[in-house]
Amino acid sequence: MEWIIENWILVLVIGGMAAMHLFGHGHGRHKHGKAAKRQTAQKKVPDAPADTRVPSEDA
């Protein structure tokens, strides 16, 4: 108990870091695993192909 009283700043910093990690990043939900891959797969929309034809003078 005496160590906590003497090192209260260190305890406060460690507690703050733990709280930020648990609640600061999307309220505790980390995007890992199958659900995150499924969400990113649904958001990907293929772009339209670019028009790579070169206009010729003959046409």
Protein backbone atom coordinates (compact mmCIF):
# COMPACT_ATOMS: atom_id res chain seq x y z
CA MET A 1 0.00 0.00 0.00
CA GLU A 2 2.87 2.33 0.75
CA TRP A 3 4.32 1.73 -2.72
CA ILE A 4 1.04 2.86 -4.33
CA ILE A 5 1.02 6.04 -2.23
CA GLU A 6 4.62 6.82 -3.18
CA ASN A 7 4.15 6.01 -6.89
CA TRP A 8 0.62 7.27 -7.51
CA ILE A 9 1.66 9.04 -10.71
CA LEU A 10 2.92 5.79 -12.22
CA VAL A 11 -0.28 4.00 -11.17
CA LEU A 12 -2.34 6.82 -12.72
CA VAL A 13 -0.42 6.65 -16.02
CA ILE A 14 -0.69 2.85 -16.27
CA GLY A 15 -4.39 2.98 -15.40
CA GLY A 16 -4.97 5.69 -18.00
CA MET A 17 -3.19 3.69 -20.67
CA ALA A 18 -5.27 0.61 -19.86
CA ALA A 19 -8.50 2.65 -19.99
CA MET A 20 -7.53 4.25 -23.30
CA HIS A 21 -6.76 0.84 -24.76
CA LEU A 22 -10.03 -0.69 -23.62
CA PHE A 23 -12.39 2.22 -24.25
CA GLY A 24 -10.58 4.63 -26.55
CA HIS A 25 -10.39 2.46 -29.65
CA GLY A 26 -13.99 2.03 -30.76
CA HIS A 27 -15.28 1.44 -27.24
CA GLY A 28 -13.37 -1.79 -26.75
CA ARG A 29 -14.13 -3.42 -30.10
CA HIS A 30 -11.00 -4.24 -32.06
CA LYS A 31 -11.45 -5.14 -35.70
CA HIS A 32 -9.83 -8.55 -35.88
CA GLY A 33 -10.91 -11.85 -37.30
CA LYS A 34 -13.61 -12.95 -39.70
CA ALA A 35 -16.03 -10.08 -39.02
CA ALA A 36 -13.46 -7.44 -40.00
CA LYS A 37 -12.54 -9.32 -43.19
CA ARG A 38 -16.22 -9.67 -44.08
CA GLN A 39 -16.81 -5.92 -43.59
CA THR A 40 -13.83 -4.92 -45.72
CA ALA A 41 -14.83 -7.39 -48.44
CA GLN A 42 -18.33 -5.89 -48.60
CA LYS A 43 -16.98 -2.33 -48.85
CA LYS A 44 -14.69 -3.07 -51.78
CA VAL A 45 -16.32 -2.04 -55.03
CA PRO A 46 -14.32 -2.68 -58.17
CA ASP A 47 -13.46 0.45 -60.10
CA ALA A 48 -14.56 0.81 -63.69
CA PRO A 49 -11.82 -0.20 -66.11
CA ALA A 50 -9.88 2.72 -67.49
CA ASP A 51 -10.17 3.52 -71.16
CA THR A 52 -6.70 2.56 -72.34
CA ARG A 53 -7.39 2.73 -76.07
CA VAL A 54 -5.26 5.19 -77.98
CA PRO A 55 -7.22 7.13 -80.57
CA SER A 56 -5.81 6.41 -84.01
CA GLU A 57 -5.67 8.89 -86.83
CA ASP A 58 -7.09 6.32 -89.27
CA ALA A 59 -10.45 6.05 -87.56
